[in-house]
Amino acid sequence: MIVSTTLQIVFRVFFDALAWSEEVSRYMLVWSTFLGATLAYKRSMHISVTFVRESFSQRVRKALRIARWFPRSSSSQWRSTLRWTTCRGSGNRFLPPCGFRCPSCTS
């Protein structure tokens, strides 16, 4: 991402701007955000308020830890189904900045 952004600045100042560098930087930023959030979640590094949880006994905490996965998994299943439906209905769209068509999930 740093290389792409640096190239974008250098080419805008001294040459013609690169059409693809802004798009690449944007996608890299989005992907690094999602991957970083996923990694932080997996390692339990997100900020959390624990005073309520710590007021329960060890047995209740374990039951709550197990029970929290049911709404998460159903929510994940619902979002996956929604995304698949959206992807199938998107068709074969043209991406002007890249100059090519984005294939749909059905092709």
Protein backbone atom coordinates (compact mmCIF):
# COMPACT_ATOMS: atom_id res chain seq x y z
CA MET A 1 0.00 0.00 0.00
CA ILE A 2 2.86 2.36 0.79
CA VAL A 3 4.52 1.62 -2.53
CA SER A 4 1.29 2.18 -4.46
CA THR A 5 0.60 5.48 -2.68
CA THR A 6 4.18 6.66 -3.14
CA LEU A 7 4.05 5.83 -6.85
CA GLN A 8 0.77 7.70 -7.10
CA ILE A 9 2.30 10.83 -5.55
CA VAL A 10 5.48 10.68 -7.64
CA PHE A 11 3.61 10.13 -10.89
CA ARG A 12 1.10 12.91 -10.15
CA VAL A 13 3.87 15.40 -9.44
CA PHE A 14 6.37 14.51 -12.17
CA PHE A 15 4.44 12.52 -14.81
CA ASP A 16 0.87 11.62 -15.74
CA ALA A 17 -1.17 10.13 -12.91
CA LEU A 18 -1.53 6.37 -12.71
CA ALA A 19 -5.18 5.44 -13.15
CA TRP A 20 -4.97 2.22 -11.16
CA SER A 21 -2.92 3.29 -8.14
CA GLU A 22 -5.77 4.97 -6.26
CA GLU A 23 -8.00 1.94 -6.70
CA VAL A 24 -5.26 -0.44 -5.56
CA SER A 25 -4.52 1.70 -2.49
CA ARG A 26 -8.20 1.84 -1.59
CA TYR A 27 -8.69 -1.92 -1.89
CA MET A 28 -5.51 -2.60 0.07
CA LEU A 29 -6.70 -0.28 2.85
CA VAL A 30 -10.06 -2.02 3.02
CA TRP A 31 -8.49 -5.49 3.03
CA SER A 32 -5.90 -4.56 5.65
CA THR A 33 -8.68 -3.16 7.86
CA PHE A 34 -10.77 -6.33 7.59
CA LEU A 35 -7.81 -8.66 8.06
CA GLY A 36 -6.55 -6.63 11.03
CA ALA A 37 -9.99 -6.67 12.66
CA THR A 38 -10.25 -10.42 12.10
CA LEU A 39 -6.83 -11.01 13.60
CA ALA A 40 -7.63 -8.81 16.61
CA TYR A 41 -10.92 -10.68 17.12
CA LYS A 42 -9.23 -14.07 16.89
CA ARG A 43 -6.62 -13.05 19.48
CA SER A 44 -9.23 -11.33 21.70
CA MET A 45 -7.42 -8.01 21.42
CA HIS A 46 -10.47 -5.78 20.92
CA ILE A 47 -11.43 -3.46 23.73
CA SER A 48 -14.08 -5.03 25.93
CA VAL A 49 -15.96 -4.14 29.08
CA THR A 50 -15.39 -7.08 31.40
CA PHE A 51 -16.71 -5.94 34.78
CA VAL A 52 -20.15 -7.50 34.18
CA ARG A 53 -18.71 -10.77 32.95
CA GLU A 54 -16.24 -10.98 35.82
CA SER A 55 -19.04 -10.59 38.36
CA PHE A 56 -20.32 -14.08 37.44
CA SER A 57 -18.90 -17.39 38.58
CA GLN A 58 -16.57 -19.42 36.38
CA ARG A 59 -19.36 -21.85 35.44
CA VAL A 60 -21.73 -19.06 34.33
CA ARG A 61 -18.94 -17.40 32.34
CA LYS A 62 -18.31 -20.64 30.46
CA ALA A 63 -22.03 -21.04 29.71
CA LEU A 64 -22.19 -17.43 28.45
CA ARG A 65 -19.12 -17.97 26.28
CA ILE A 66 -20.77 -21.01 24.67
CA ALA A 67 -24.18 -19.32 24.33
CA ARG A 68 -22.80 -16.26 22.53
CA TRP A 69 -21.90 -18.36 19.50
CA PHE A 70 -25.54 -19.15 18.59
CA PRO A 71 -26.57 -15.59 17.61
CA ARG A 72 -23.22 -15.06 15.91
CA SER A 73 -23.48 -18.18 13.78
CA SER A 74 -27.09 -17.51 12.75
CA SER A 75 -26.21 -13.91 11.90
CA SER A 76 -23.24 -15.08 9.86
CA GLN A 77 -25.39 -17.59 7.98
CA TRP A 78 -27.99 -14.93 7.21
CA ARG A 79 -25.35 -12.47 5.92
CA SER A 80 -23.70 -15.15 3.79
CA THR A 81 -27.02 -16.03 2.19
CA LEU A 82 -27.75 -12.36 1.55
CA ARG A 83 -24.34 -11.81 -0.04
CA TRP A 84 -24.69 -14.86 -2.26
CA THR A 85 -28.11 -13.68 -3.44
CA THR A 86 -26.74 -10.20 -4.15
CA CYS A 87 -23.75 -11.60 -6.01
CA ARG A 88 -25.88 -13.82 -8.21
CA GLY A 89 -28.12 -10.90 -9.13
CA SER A 90 -25.31 -8.44 -9.86
CA GLY A 91 -24.67 -9.69 -13.37
CA ASN A 92 -21.64 -8.88 -15.48
CA ARG A 93 -20.77 -5.29 -14.50
CA PHE A 94 -18.23 -3.04 -16.16
CA LEU A 95 -15.62 -1.42 -13.89
CA PRO A 96 -14.61 1.89 -15.55
CA PRO A 97 -11.40 2.57 -13.57
CA CYS A 98 -9.99 -0.87 -14.37
CA GLY A 99 -11.34 -1.16 -17.90
CA PHE A 100 -12.70 -4.69 -17.64
CA ARG A 101 -15.85 -6.55 -16.70
CA CYS A 102 -16.37 -8.10 -13.28
CA PRO A 103 -17.63 -11.67 -13.73
CA SER A 104 -20.64 -12.69 -11.72
CA CYS A 105 -20.73 -15.69 -9.39
CA THR A 106 -22.90 -17.68 -11.79
CA SER A 107 -20.56 -17.62 -14.78
